[in-house]
C-alpha atoms as a PDB file:
ATOM      1  CA  MET A   1      84.990 -58.666 132.788  1.00  0.00           C
ATOM      2  CA  THR A   2      86.753 -55.445 130.873  1.00  0.00           C
ATOM      3  CA  GLY A   3      90.517 -55.317 130.342  1.00  0.00           C
ATOM      4  CA  GLU A   4      93.054 -55.842 132.875  1.00  0.00           C
ATOM      5  CA  TYR A   5      93.192 -53.905 136.360  1.00  0.00           C
ATOM      6  CA  THR A   6      96.398 -53.030 138.068  1.00  0.00           C
ATOM      7  CA  ARG A   7      95.381 -52.550 141.592  1.00  0.00           C
ATOM      8  CA  VAL A   8      92.306 -54.419 143.273  1.00  0.00           C
ATOM      9  CA  ALA A   9      91.307 -53.817 146.800  1.00  0.00           C
ATOM     10  CA  VAL A  10      89.155 -56.660 147.959  1.00  0.00           C
ATOM     11  CA  LEU A  11      86.809 -55.814 151.240  1.00  0.00           C
ATOM     12  CA  SER A  12      85.053 -58.766 152.622  1.00  0.00           C
ATOM     13  CA  ASP A  13      82.581 -59.660 155.458  1.00  0.00           C
ATOM     14  CA  ILE A  14      82.063 -55.870 156.530  1.00  0.00           C
ATOM     15  CA  HIS A  15      78.970 -56.956 158.514  1.00  0.00           C
ATOM     16  CA  GLY A  16      77.228 -53.476 158.935  1.00  0.00           C
ATOM     17  CA  VAL A  17      80.174 -52.179 160.900  1.00  0.00           C
ATOM     18  CA  LEU A  18      80.318 -48.449 159.533  1.00  0.00           C
ATOM     19  CA  PRO A  19      83.231 -47.200 161.603  1.00  0.00           C
ATOM     20  CA  ALA A  20      85.581 -50.303 160.184  1.00  0.00           C
ATOM     21  CA  LEU A  21      84.397 -49.606 156.853  1.00  0.00           C
ATOM     22  CA  GLU A  22      85.090 -46.025 157.121  1.00  0.00           C
ATOM     23  CA  ALA A  23      88.468 -46.455 158.136  1.00  0.00           C
ATOM     24  CA  VAL A  24      89.372 -48.959 155.084  1.00  0.00           C
ATOM     25  CA  LEU A  25      87.954 -46.580 152.493  1.00  0.00           C
ATOM     26  CA  ALA A  26      90.139 -43.798 154.029  1.00  0.00           C
ATOM     27  CA  GLU A  27      93.205 -45.896 153.282  1.00  0.00           C
ATOM     28  CA  PRO A  28      95.041 -44.142 150.231  1.00  0.00           C
ATOM     29  CA  GLU A  29      95.722 -47.369 148.359  1.00  0.00           C
ATOM     30  CA  VAL A  30      91.945 -48.172 148.684  1.00  0.00           C
ATOM     31  CA  ALA A  31      90.972 -44.677 147.026  1.00  0.00           C
ATOM     32  CA  ALA A  32      93.340 -45.077 144.589  1.00  0.00           C
ATOM     33  CA  ALA A  33      92.423 -48.668 143.426  1.00  0.00           C
ATOM     34  CA  ASP A  34      91.084 -49.484 140.042  1.00  0.00           C
ATOM     35  CA  ARG A  35      88.339 -51.195 141.637  1.00  0.00           C
ATOM     36  CA  ILE A  36      87.087 -52.289 145.155  1.00  0.00           C
ATOM     37  CA  VAL A  37      85.642 -55.739 145.145  1.00  0.00           C
ATOM     38  CA  LEU A  38      83.107 -56.515 147.789  1.00  0.00           C
ATOM     39  CA  THR A  39      83.002 -60.426 148.513  1.00  0.00           C
ATOM     40  CA  GLY A  40      79.985 -60.465 150.480  1.00  0.00           C
ATOM     41  CA  ASP A  41      78.420 -60.343 153.930  1.00  0.00           C
ATOM     42  CA  ILE A  42      78.076 -56.823 153.534  1.00  0.00           C
ATOM     43  CA  THR A  43      75.055 -55.681 155.744  1.00  0.00           C
ATOM     44  CA  ALA A  44      74.421 -58.319 158.399  1.00  0.00           C
ATOM     45  CA  GLY A  45      75.385 -56.336 161.235  1.00  0.00           C
ATOM     46  CA  PRO A  46      74.455 -53.112 163.255  1.00  0.00           C
ATOM     47  CA  GLN A  47      74.247 -50.322 160.573  1.00  0.00           C
ATOM     48  CA  PRO A  48      73.318 -52.313 157.102  1.00  0.00           C
ATOM     49  CA  ALA A  49      71.499 -49.218 155.853  1.00  0.00           C
ATOM     50  CA  GLU A  50      74.326 -46.840 156.493  1.00  0.00           C
ATOM     51  CA  VAL A  51      76.956 -49.328 155.214  1.00  0.00           C
ATOM     52  CA  LEU A  52      75.101 -49.509 151.850  1.00  0.00           C
ATOM     53  CA  ASP A  53      74.428 -45.990 151.521  1.00  0.00           C
ATOM     54  CA  LEU A  54      78.332 -45.321 152.070  1.00  0.00           C
ATOM     55  CA  LEU A  55      79.653 -47.925 149.657  1.00  0.00           C
ATOM     56  CA  ARG A  56      76.944 -46.967 146.814  1.00  0.00           C
ATOM     57  CA  GLU A  57      78.243 -43.389 147.041  1.00  0.00           C
ATOM     58  CA  GLN A  58      81.674 -44.747 145.721  1.00  0.00           C
ATOM     59  CA  GLY A  59      79.927 -45.324 142.128  1.00  0.00           C
ATOM     60  CA  ASP A  60      81.479 -47.571 139.733  1.00  0.00           C
ATOM     61  CA  GLN A  61      84.718 -47.956 141.751  1.00  0.00           C
ATOM     62  CA  VAL A  62      82.737 -50.686 143.854  1.00  0.00           C
ATOM     63  CA  LEU A  63      82.064 -54.081 142.430  1.00  0.00           C
ATOM     64  CA  TRP A  64      79.609 -56.214 144.360  1.00  0.00           C
ATOM     65  CA  LEU A  65      78.969 -59.656 145.454  1.00  0.00           C
ATOM     66  CA  ALA A  66      76.410 -61.178 147.709  1.00  0.00           C
ATOM     67  CA  GLY A  67      77.205 -63.384 150.565  1.00  0.00           C
ATOM     68  CA  ASN A  68      75.175 -65.993 152.725  1.00  0.00           C
ATOM     69  CA  ALA A  69      74.229 -63.482 154.990  1.00  0.00           C
ATOM     70  CA  ASP A  70      73.122 -60.863 152.521  1.00  0.00           C
ATOM     71  CA  ARG A  71      70.862 -63.713 151.036  1.00  0.00           C
ATOM     72  CA  GLU A  72      69.364 -64.389 154.550  1.00  0.00           C
ATOM     73  CA  LEU A  73      68.515 -60.760 154.974  1.00  0.00           C
ATOM     74  CA  VAL A  74      66.619 -60.740 151.555  1.00  0.00           C
ATOM     75  CA  GLU A  75      64.740 -64.011 152.284  1.00  0.00           C
ATOM     76  CA  PHE A  76      63.609 -62.795 155.766  1.00  0.00           C
ATOM     77  CA  ARG A  77      62.364 -59.472 154.329  1.00  0.00           C
ATOM     78  CA  ARG A  78      60.387 -61.423 151.488  1.00  0.00           C
ATOM     79  CA  GLY A  79      58.985 -63.943 154.063  1.00  0.00           C
ATOM     80  CA  GLU A  80      61.011 -66.816 152.638  1.00  0.00           C
ATOM     81  CA  ARG A  81      62.449 -67.883 155.884  1.00  0.00           C
ATOM     82  CA  THR A  82      61.151 -67.100 159.460  1.00  0.00           C
ATOM     83  CA  ARG A  83      64.792 -67.015 161.091  1.00  0.00           C
ATOM     84  CA  ILE A  84      68.195 -66.394 160.403  1.00  0.00           C
ATOM     85  CA  PRO A  85      71.053 -68.195 162.454  1.00  0.00           C
ATOM     86  CA  ASP A  86      72.827 -64.743 163.552  1.00  0.00           C
ATOM     87  CA  PRO A  87      70.937 -63.181 166.182  1.00  0.00           C
ATOM     88  CA  ILE A  88      71.672 -59.842 165.026  1.00  0.00           C
ATOM     89  CA  GLY A  89      70.451 -61.035 161.615  1.00  0.00           C
ATOM     90  CA  PRO A  90      66.652 -60.008 162.059  1.00  0.00           C
ATOM     91  CA  PHE A  91      67.437 -56.576 163.241  1.00  0.00           C
ATOM     92  CA  ALA A  92      69.653 -55.849 160.379  1.00  0.00           C
ATOM     93  CA  ALA A  93      67.105 -57.123 157.820  1.00  0.00           C
ATOM     94  CA  GLN A  94      64.423 -54.909 159.250  1.00  0.00           C
ATOM     95  CA  ALA A  95      67.051 -51.724 159.141  1.00  0.00           C
ATOM     96  CA  LEU A  96      67.141 -52.288 155.205  1.00  0.00           C
ATOM     97  CA  ARG A  97      65.120 -50.009 153.361  1.00  0.00           C
ATOM     98  CA  ALA A  98      63.022 -51.519 150.497  1.00  0.00           C
ATOM     99  CA  ASP A  99      65.101 -50.344 147.678  1.00  0.00           C
ATOM    100  CA  GLN A 100      68.259 -51.730 149.576  1.00  0.00           C
ATOM    101  CA  VAL A 101      66.653 -55.185 149.925  1.00  0.00           C
ATOM    102  CA  ALA A 102      66.117 -55.149 146.080  1.00  0.00           C
ATOM    103  CA  PHE A 103      69.429 -54.095 145.527  1.00  0.00           C
ATOM    104  CA  LEU A 104      70.695 -57.093 147.593  1.00  0.00           C
ATOM    105  CA  ALA A 105      68.656 -59.596 146.095  1.00  0.00           C
ATOM    106  CA  ALA A 106      70.016 -58.721 142.695  1.00  0.00           C
ATOM    107  CA  LEU A 107      73.761 -58.824 143.442  1.00  0.00           C
ATOM    108  CA  PRO A 108      75.735 -61.778 141.731  1.00  0.00           C
ATOM    109  CA  ARG A 109      77.184 -64.583 143.670  1.00  0.00           C
ATOM    110  CA  THR A 110      80.701 -64.765 141.970  1.00  0.00           C
ATOM    111  CA  ARG A 111      82.484 -62.550 139.503  1.00  0.00           C
ATOM    112  CA  THR A 112      85.876 -62.610 137.206  1.00  0.00           C
ATOM    113  CA  LEU A 113      88.319 -59.942 136.453  1.00  0.00           C
ATOM    114  CA  ARG A 114      91.835 -59.916 135.112  1.00  0.00           C
ATOM    115  CA  VAL A 115      94.517 -58.547 137.592  1.00  0.00           C
ATOM    116  CA  ARG A 116      97.753 -57.515 136.685  1.00  0.00           C
ATOM    117  CA  GLY A 117     100.311 -60.353 137.811  1.00  0.00           C
ATOM    118  CA  LEU A 118      97.349 -62.915 138.748  1.00  0.00           C
ATOM    119  CA  GLY A 119      95.695 -63.480 135.323  1.00  0.00           C
ATOM    120  CA  GLU A 120      92.041 -64.458 135.528  1.00  0.00           C
ATOM    121  CA  VAL A 121      90.933 -64.025 139.072  1.00  0.00           C
ATOM    122  CA  LEU A 122      87.831 -65.387 140.563  1.00  0.00           C
ATOM    123  CA  PHE A 123      85.956 -63.542 143.394  1.00  0.00           C
ATOM    124  CA  CYS A 124      83.297 -65.421 145.491  1.00  0.00           C
ATOM    125  CA  HIS A 125      82.146 -65.462 148.848  1.00  0.00           C
ATOM    126  CA  ALA A 126      82.595 -68.656 150.664  1.00  0.00           C
ATOM    127  CA  THR A 127      83.684 -71.035 147.482  1.00  0.00           C
ATOM    128  CA  PRO A 128      83.043 -70.712 143.656  1.00  0.00           C
ATOM    129  CA  ARG A 129      80.211 -73.099 143.946  1.00  0.00           C
ATOM    130  CA  ASP A 130      78.564 -72.306 147.333  1.00  0.00           C
ATOM    131  CA  ASP A 131      78.125 -69.172 149.499  1.00  0.00           C
ATOM    132  CA  GLU A 132      78.100 -70.575 152.896  1.00  0.00           C
ATOM    133  CA  GLU A 133      80.699 -73.604 152.237  1.00  0.00           C
ATOM    134  CA  VAL A 134      83.578 -73.603 154.420  1.00  0.00           C
ATOM    135  CA  VAL A 135      87.203 -73.978 153.497  1.00  0.00           C
ATOM    136  CA  LEU A 136      90.245 -73.064 155.478  1.00  0.00           C
ATOM    137  CA  VAL A 137      93.801 -72.404 155.463  1.00  0.00           C
ATOM    138  CA  ASP A 138      94.741 -75.946 156.440  1.00  0.00           C
ATOM    139  CA  SER A 139      91.856 -77.677 154.377  1.00  0.00           C
ATOM    140  CA  ARG A 140      92.989 -80.867 152.763  1.00  0.00           C
ATOM    141  CA  PRO A 141      94.132 -81.315 149.366  1.00  0.00           C
ATOM    142  CA  ALA A 142      91.070 -83.468 148.311  1.00  0.00           C
ATOM    143  CA  ARG A 143      88.708 -80.619 149.867  1.00  0.00           C
ATOM    144  CA  TRP A 144      90.017 -78.066 147.699  1.00  0.00           C
ATOM    145  CA  ALA A 145      89.831 -80.322 144.658  1.00  0.00           C
ATOM    146  CA  GLU A 146      86.163 -80.578 145.406  1.00  0.00           C
ATOM    147  CA  VAL A 147      85.573 -76.826 145.691  1.00  0.00           C
ATOM    148  CA  PHE A 148      87.429 -76.212 142.274  1.00  0.00           C
ATOM    149  CA  THR A 149      85.209 -78.646 140.568  1.00  0.00           C
ATOM    150  CA  GLY A 150      83.978 -77.126 137.434  1.00  0.00           C
ATOM    151  CA  LEU A 151      86.435 -74.147 137.326  1.00  0.00           C
ATOM    152  CA  ALA A 152      87.788 -72.888 133.917  1.00  0.00           C
ATOM    153  CA  PRO A 153      91.555 -73.894 133.679  1.00  0.00           C
ATOM    154  CA  GLU A 154      92.513 -70.098 133.167  1.00  0.00           C
ATOM    155  CA  ILE A 155      91.459 -69.155 136.662  1.00  0.00           C
ATOM    156  CA  ARG A 156      94.483 -69.377 138.572  1.00  0.00           C
ATOM    157  CA  THR A 157      93.593 -67.362 141.622  1.00  0.00           C
ATOM    158  CA  VAL A 158      90.491 -67.471 143.649  1.00  0.00           C
ATOM    159  CA  VAL A 159      89.454 -64.775 146.275  1.00  0.00           C
ATOM    160  CA  CYS A 160      87.192 -65.542 148.965  1.00  0.00           C
ATOM    161  CA  GLY A 161      85.790 -64.639 152.331  1.00  0.00           C
ATOM    162  CA  HIS A 162      83.112 -66.178 154.643  1.00  0.00           C
ATOM    163  CA  THR A 163      85.548 -67.390 157.474  1.00  0.00           C
ATOM    164  CA  HIS A 164      86.838 -63.875 158.768  1.00  0.00           C
ATOM    165  CA  MET A 165      90.389 -65.048 158.918  1.00  0.00           C
ATOM    166  CA  PRO A 166      93.041 -63.867 156.442  1.00  0.00           C
ATOM    167  CA  TYR A 167      95.388 -66.265 154.488  1.00  0.00           C
ATOM    168  CA  VAL A 168      97.074 -66.903 151.063  1.00  0.00           C
ATOM    169  CA  ARG A 169      97.976 -70.629 150.241  1.00  0.00           C
ATOM    170  CA  LEU A 170      98.355 -72.572 146.945  1.00  0.00           C
ATOM    171  CA  ALA A 171      95.997 -75.598 146.452  1.00  0.00           C
ATOM    172  CA  HIS A 172      96.432 -77.511 143.411  1.00  0.00           C
ATOM    173  CA  GLY A 173      98.446 -74.850 141.473  1.00  0.00           C
ATOM    174  CA  ARG A 174      95.654 -72.121 142.123  1.00  0.00           C
ATOM    175  CA  LEU A 175      96.433 -69.154 144.601  1.00  0.00           C
ATOM    176  CA  VAL A 176      93.583 -68.843 147.262  1.00  0.00           C
ATOM    177  CA  VAL A 177      93.452 -65.567 148.897  1.00  0.00           C
ATOM    178  CA  ASN A 178      91.252 -64.580 151.906  1.00  0.00           C
ATOM    179  CA  PRO A 179      91.434 -60.968 152.823  1.00  0.00           C
ATOM    180  CA  GLY A 180      89.882 -61.762 156.101  1.00  0.00           C
ATOM    181  CA  SER A 181      86.742 -59.392 157.927  1.00  0.00           C
ATOM    182  CA  VAL A 182      86.463 -55.598 157.991  1.00  0.00           C
ATOM    183  CA  GLY A 183      83.820 -55.678 160.608  1.00  0.00           C
ATOM    184  CA  MET A 184      83.838 -59.053 162.620  1.00  0.00           C
ATOM    185  CA  PRO A 185      87.517 -60.141 162.312  1.00  0.00           C
ATOM    186  CA  TYR A 186      88.625 -63.404 164.194  1.00  0.00           C
ATOM    187  CA  GLY A 187      92.146 -63.741 165.776  1.00  0.00           C
ATOM    188  CA  ARG A 188      93.084 -60.025 166.047  1.00  0.00           C
ATOM    189  CA  PRO A 189      91.344 -56.797 166.117  1.00  0.00           C
ATOM    190  CA  GLY A 190      91.501 -53.954 163.100  1.00  0.00           C
ATOM    191  CA  ALA A 191      89.802 -53.703 159.581  1.00  0.00           C
ATOM    192  CA  HIS A 192      91.332 -56.747 157.557  1.00  0.00           C
ATOM    193  CA  TRP A 193      91.305 -56.461 153.564  1.00  0.00           C
ATOM    194  CA  CYS A 194      93.971 -56.895 150.868  1.00  0.00           C
ATOM    195  CA  LEU A 195      95.111 -55.451 147.885  1.00  0.00           C
ATOM    196  CA  LEU A 196      95.758 -57.420 144.352  1.00  0.00           C
ATOM    197  CA  GLY A 197      98.113 -56.819 141.843  1.00  0.00           C
ATOM    198  CA  PRO A 198     100.749 -57.915 141.002  1.00  0.00           C
ATOM    199  CA  GLY A 199     100.980 -59.947 143.890  1.00  0.00           C
ATOM    200  CA  THR A 200      98.829 -60.537 146.846  1.00  0.00           C
ATOM    201  CA  ASP A 201      99.087 -58.144 149.779  1.00  0.00           C
ATOM    202  CA  LEU A 202      97.018 -58.820 153.098  1.00  0.00           C
ATOM    203  CA  ARG A 203      96.196 -55.656 155.028  1.00  0.00           C
ATOM    204  CA  VAL A 204      94.757 -54.410 158.055  1.00  0.00           C
ATOM    205  CA  THR A 205      93.582 -51.039 159.083  1.00  0.00           C
ATOM    206  CA  PRO A 206      93.755 -50.058 162.802  1.00  0.00           C
ATOM    207  CA  TYR A 207      91.057 -47.706 163.882  1.00  0.00           C
ATOM    208  CA  ASP A 208      89.719 -46.328 167.429  1.00  0.00           C
ATOM    209  CA  ILE A 209      87.965 -49.513 168.465  1.00  0.00           C
ATOM    210  CA  PRO A 210      86.600 -48.207 171.864  1.00  0.00           C
ATOM    211  CA  ALA A 211      85.402 -45.012 169.977  1.00  0.00           C
ATOM    212  CA  ALA A 212      83.552 -47.257 167.515  1.00  0.00           C
ATOM    213  CA  VAL A 213      82.127 -49.451 170.229  1.00  0.00           C
ATOM    214  CA  THR A 214      80.869 -46.356 171.818  1.00  0.00           C
ATOM    215  CA  ARG A 215      79.673 -44.917 168.552  1.00  0.00           C
ATOM    216  CA  LEU A 216      77.637 -48.224 167.841  1.00  0.00           C
ATOM    217  CA  ILE A 217      76.160 -48.201 171.145  1.00  0.00           C
ATOM    218  CA  ARG A 218      74.718 -44.492 170.502  1.00  0.00           C
ATOM    219  CA  GLU A 219      73.946 -45.165 167.042  1.00  0.00           C
ATOM    220  CA  CYS A 220      72.382 -48.686 166.886  1.00  0.00           C
ATOM    221  CA  ALA A 221      69.031 -49.713 168.409  1.00  0.00           C
ATOM    222  CA  TYR A 222      69.850 -53.461 168.449  1.00  0.00           C
ATOM    223  CA  PRO A 223      69.195 -54.638 172.270  1.00  0.00           C
ATOM    224  CA  GLU A 224      72.370 -56.305 172.672  1.00  0.00           C
ATOM    225  CA  ILE A 225      74.781 -54.001 170.904  1.00  0.00           C
ATOM    226  CA  ALA A 226      77.110 -53.369 173.686  1.00  0.00           C
ATOM    227  CA  ASP A 227      77.886 -56.891 173.745  1.00  0.00           C
ATOM    228  CA  TRP A 228      78.047 -57.396 170.269  1.00  0.00           C
ATOM    229  CA  ALA A 229      80.128 -54.550 169.439  1.00  0.00           C
ATOM    230  CA  ASP A 230      82.687 -55.262 172.206  1.00  0.00           C
ATOM    231  CA  TYR A 231      83.060 -59.124 171.432  1.00  0.00           C
ATOM    232  CA  PHE A 232      83.375 -58.522 167.559  1.00  0.00           C
ATOM    233  CA  LEU A 233      85.345 -55.154 167.164  1.00  0.00           C
ATOM    234  CA  HIS A 234      87.950 -56.713 169.736  1.00  0.00           C
ATOM    235  CA  ALA A 235      88.038 -59.641 168.054  1.00  0.00           C
ATOM    236  CA  ARG A 236      87.527 -61.636 171.246  1.00  0.00           C
ATOM    237  CA  ALA A 237      87.299 -64.872 169.453  1.00  0.00           C
ATOM    238  CA  SER A 238      90.924 -66.164 168.730  1.00  0.00           C
ATOM    239  CA  ASP A 239      91.768 -67.701 165.192  1.00  0.00           C
ATOM    240  CA  THR A 240      92.608 -71.135 167.153  1.00  0.00           C
ATOM    241  CA  GLU A 241      89.160 -70.885 168.821  1.00  0.00           C
ATOM    242  CA  VAL A 242      87.640 -70.494 165.482  1.00  0.00           C
ATOM    243  CA  LEU A 243      89.531 -73.052 163.738  1.00  0.00           C
ATOM    244  CA  ALA A 244      88.844 -75.551 166.260  1.00  0.00           C
ATOM    245  CA  ALA A 245      85.144 -74.723 165.911  1.00  0.00           C
ATOM    246  CA  TRP A 246      85.165 -74.706 162.279  1.00  0.00           C
ATOM    247  CA  THR A 247      86.909 -77.754 161.406  1.00  0.00           C
ATOM    248  CA  PRO A 248      84.945 -80.703 162.547  1.00  0.00           C
ATOM    249  CA  GLU A 249      82.172 -78.965 160.539  1.00  0.00           C
ATOM    250  CA  GLU A 250      84.147 -78.825 157.561  1.00  0.00           C
ATOM    251  CA  ARG A 251      85.305 -82.238 157.694  1.00  0.00           C
ATOM    252  CA  GLU A 252      81.895 -83.856 158.286  1.00  0.00           C
ATOM    253  CA  GLU A 253      80.515 -82.100 154.949  1.00  0.00           C
ATOM    254  CA  ARG A 254      81.731 -84.423 152.577  1.00  0.00           C
ATOM    255  CA  GLU A 255      83.621 -87.579 152.451  1.00  0.00           C
ATOM    256  CA  PRO A 256      87.534 -87.636 151.206  1.00  0.00           C
ATOM    257  CA  ILE A 257      88.006 -88.364 147.536  1.00  0.00           C
END
């Protein structure tokens, strides 16, 4: 961590959707941000190599974190796993160049920055301790106490992704921010992200989704790309449906404190 940043744009869960990423990077406040923090799941989708190349072109403005889906692609390419839960995962893994696999493998899981108005901010993919642990806007206080175990007291803001639904809430005196998903939003379409400093501003960038679907069908060789693009870019899964699906698993992971 170096100094204090005035404006930080947070992009999470891009999932290899190049048109959505291009739309967000074209936002003036993203272009002008001191830093762009990526909170993981950058590549598991239809255009992983192209997304990585575009982000790396942004140079030192971008600060990278790996998500569970990025880790799974690396493990698949290295023969450390034989399957990936997400059906598009094996395609995405094979679409990456060897140098990109090595780049993803070296990414950190958490990062801390000082942001004006928010103090010490910890960025992670799912939770500070685990890259696929599920916490939601309505997770019980005891669940958040578990998730925050071991965090330094000076960290008063935690920014996470993973669940593809944007929210801001207080939990045990800490502000929790989820920017939602750039490429695979749940609940409503558009490319979701957030701007930090001095407060928290959840944003959604509209873009031409029918044109993006057509482009993915034209440019991506994944056999099920038409159905994939229609479902995820149009956000066919509602937030209510997703919360209903996630909540039982989230509750079963641990006994209440």
